[in-house]
Amino acid sequence: MRSTPSPQPEPQEIFRTLDARGWEPPEPMIRVLDALGALPRGAKIVVLLDLEPRPLFRILKSQRFDYRSVPASAGHFEVAIWRAADASASPDSPA
């Protein structure tokens, strides 16, 4: 008698929020890059910023991260960042 393996549970989405509003450059970029260095597979970081961090986007792409940046109603930007190879950290999931 063969048993079928039980399906693996879907990994729960893990995310960390980093509120960098009001921080002076380059502190937000340094803290984001430090946090990404410890980011586990399947997880994402959501960063709250006063401005859209366009220089950071180039660095993210070069280090194989994907991101989604959206303006928030409170006048800041919310940037979700995850490893490009991670299917489990979907860009469409709530931040």
C-alpha atoms as a PDB file:
ATOM      1  CA  MET A   1       0.000   0.000   0.000  1.00  0.00           C
ATOM      2  CA  ARG A   2       1.428   3.362  -1.050  1.00  0.00           C
ATOM      3  CA  SER A   3       0.739   6.417   0.953  1.00  0.00           C
ATOM      4  CA  THR A   4       0.568   9.784  -0.679  1.00  0.00           C
ATOM      5  CA  PRO A   5       2.621  12.470   0.944  1.00  0.00           C
ATOM      6  CA  SER A   6       0.610  15.035   2.799  1.00  0.00           C
ATOM      7  CA  PRO A   7       0.659  18.424   1.103  1.00  0.00           C
ATOM      8  CA  GLN A   8       3.039  20.958   2.505  1.00  0.00           C
ATOM      9  CA  PRO A   9       1.273  23.863   4.174  1.00  0.00           C
ATOM     10  CA  GLU A  10       1.607  27.148   2.361  1.00  0.00           C
ATOM     11  CA  PRO A  11       4.243  29.256   4.057  1.00  0.00           C
ATOM     12  CA  GLN A  12       2.674  32.079   5.955  1.00  0.00           C
ATOM     13  CA  GLU A  13       3.596  35.447   4.693  1.00  0.00           C
ATOM     14  CA  ILE A  14       6.137  37.062   6.946  1.00  0.00           C
ATOM     15  CA  PHE A  15       6.764  40.744   6.774  1.00  0.00           C
ATOM     16  CA  ARG A  16       8.409  43.442   8.788  1.00  0.00           C
ATOM     17  CA  THR A  17       7.504  47.106   8.679  1.00  0.00           C
ATOM     18  CA  LEU A  18      10.226  49.714   8.829  1.00  0.00           C
ATOM     19  CA  ASP A  19       8.889  53.220   9.443  1.00  0.00           C
ATOM     20  CA  ALA A  20      11.584  55.545   8.078  1.00  0.00           C
ATOM     21  CA  ARG A  21       9.427  58.655   7.784  1.00  0.00           C
ATOM     22  CA  GLY A  22      11.277  61.715   9.020  1.00  0.00           C
ATOM     23  CA  TRP A  23      14.717  60.077   8.861  1.00  0.00           C
ATOM     24  CA  GLU A  24      17.536  61.977   7.188  1.00  0.00           C
ATOM     25  CA  PRO A  25      19.413  60.378   4.253  1.00  0.00           C
ATOM     26  CA  PRO A  26      21.244  58.069   4.048  1.00  0.00           C
ATOM     27  CA  GLU A  27      19.774  56.430   7.178  1.00  0.00           C
ATOM     28  CA  PRO A  28      16.666  54.928   5.468  1.00  0.00           C
ATOM     29  CA  MET A  29      18.732  53.281   2.723  1.00  0.00           C
ATOM     30  CA  ILE A  30      21.308  51.931   5.172  1.00  0.00           C
ATOM     31  CA  ARG A  31      18.632  50.445   7.429  1.00  0.00           C
ATOM     32  CA  VAL A  32      16.703  48.929   4.506  1.00  0.00           C
ATOM     33  CA  LEU A  33      19.820  47.306   3.056  1.00  0.00           C
ATOM     34  CA  ASP A  34      20.786  45.947   6.488  1.00  0.00           C
ATOM     35  CA  ALA A  35      17.300  44.484   6.939  1.00  0.00           C
ATOM     36  CA  LEU A  36      17.388  42.907   3.477  1.00  0.00           C
ATOM     37  CA  GLY A  37      20.637  41.168   4.328  1.00  0.00           C
ATOM     38  CA  ALA A  38      18.784  39.212   7.028  1.00  0.00           C
ATOM     39  CA  LEU A  39      15.536  38.725   5.089  1.00  0.00           C
ATOM     40  CA  PRO A  40      14.448  35.066   5.182  1.00  0.00           C
ATOM     41  CA  ARG A  41      13.149  33.342   2.055  1.00  0.00           C
ATOM     42  CA  GLY A  42       9.446  34.009   1.528  1.00  0.00           C
ATOM     43  CA  ALA A  43       9.446  37.169   3.624  1.00  0.00           C
ATOM     44  CA  LYS A  44       9.146  40.797   2.704  1.00  0.00           C
ATOM     45  CA  ILE A  45       9.841  44.186   4.193  1.00  0.00           C
ATOM     46  CA  VAL A  46       7.408  47.080   4.005  1.00  0.00           C
ATOM     47  CA  VAL A  47       9.112  50.461   4.289  1.00  0.00           C
ATOM     48  CA  LEU A  48       7.267  53.707   5.007  1.00  0.00           C
ATOM     49  CA  LEU A  49       9.060  56.704   3.498  1.00  0.00           C
ATOM     50  CA  ASP A  50       8.426  60.406   2.955  1.00  0.00           C
ATOM     51  CA  LEU A  51       9.618  60.210  -0.671  1.00  0.00           C
ATOM     52  CA  GLU A  52       9.775  57.500  -3.294  1.00  0.00           C
ATOM     53  CA  PRO A  53      13.308  56.023  -3.002  1.00  0.00           C
ATOM     54  CA  ARG A  54      14.285  55.845  -6.681  1.00  0.00           C
ATOM     55  CA  PRO A  55      18.036  55.350  -6.025  1.00  0.00           C
ATOM     56  CA  LEU A  56      17.134  52.376  -3.821  1.00  0.00           C
ATOM     57  CA  PHE A  57      15.181  50.756  -6.669  1.00  0.00           C
ATOM     58  CA  ARG A  58      18.328  50.409  -8.803  1.00  0.00           C
ATOM     59  CA  ILE A  59      20.165  48.764  -5.914  1.00  0.00           C
ATOM     60  CA  LEU A  60      17.264  46.387  -5.272  1.00  0.00           C
ATOM     61  CA  LYS A  61      17.208  45.231  -8.891  1.00  0.00           C
ATOM     62  CA  SER A  62      20.973  44.707  -8.948  1.00  0.00           C
ATOM     63  CA  GLN A  63      20.721  42.597  -5.774  1.00  0.00           C
ATOM     64  CA  ARG A  64      17.787  40.552  -7.162  1.00  0.00           C
ATOM     65  CA  PHE A  65      14.982  42.004  -5.108  1.00  0.00           C
ATOM     66  CA  ASP A  66      11.585  42.995  -6.432  1.00  0.00           C
ATOM     67  CA  TYR A  67       9.508  45.813  -5.013  1.00  0.00           C
ATOM     68  CA  ARG A  68       6.188  47.571  -5.226  1.00  0.00           C
ATOM     69  CA  SER A  69       5.906  51.245  -4.352  1.00  0.00           C
ATOM     70  CA  VAL A  70       2.534  52.873  -3.757  1.00  0.00           C
ATOM     71  CA  PRO A  71       1.616  56.311  -2.476  1.00  0.00           C
ATOM     72  CA  ALA A  72      -0.298  56.087   0.787  1.00  0.00           C
ATOM     73  CA  SER A  73      -3.215  58.300   1.678  1.00  0.00           C
ATOM     74  CA  ALA A  74      -1.236  59.913   4.498  1.00  0.00           C
ATOM     75  CA  GLY A  75       1.182  61.541   2.015  1.00  0.00           C
ATOM     76  CA  HIS A  76       4.002  59.030   2.221  1.00  0.00           C
ATOM     77  CA  PHE A  77       5.093  55.990   0.213  1.00  0.00           C
ATOM     78  CA  GLU A  78       4.807  52.345   1.147  1.00  0.00           C
ATOM     79  CA  VAL A  79       7.466  50.188  -0.492  1.00  0.00           C
ATOM     80  CA  ALA A  80       7.177  46.396  -0.236  1.00  0.00           C
ATOM     81  CA  ILE A  81      10.426  44.523  -0.962  1.00  0.00           C
ATOM     82  CA  TRP A  82      10.976  40.783  -1.417  1.00  0.00           C
ATOM     83  CA  ARG A  83      13.497  38.424  -3.023  1.00  0.00           C
ATOM     84  CA  ALA A  84      12.815  38.181  -6.774  1.00  0.00           C
ATOM     85  CA  ALA A  85      12.998  34.370  -6.682  1.00  0.00           C
ATOM     86  CA  ASP A  86      10.400  34.065  -3.901  1.00  0.00           C
ATOM     87  CA  ALA A  87       7.031  33.053  -5.231  1.00  0.00           C
ATOM     88  CA  SER A  88       5.605  32.984  -1.717  1.00  0.00           C
ATOM     89  CA  ALA A  89       6.176  36.707  -1.091  1.00  0.00           C
ATOM     90  CA  SER A  90       3.570  37.803  -3.591  1.00  0.00           C
ATOM     91  CA  PRO A  91       3.498  41.485  -4.540  1.00  0.00           C
ATOM     92  CA  ASP A  92      -0.303  41.377  -4.471  1.00  0.00           C
ATOM     93  CA  SER A  93      -0.530  40.373  -0.826  1.00  0.00           C
ATOM     94  CA  PRO A  94      -1.400  43.150   1.602  1.00  0.00           C
ATOM     95  CA  ALA A  95       1.461  45.140   2.997  1.00  0.00           C
END
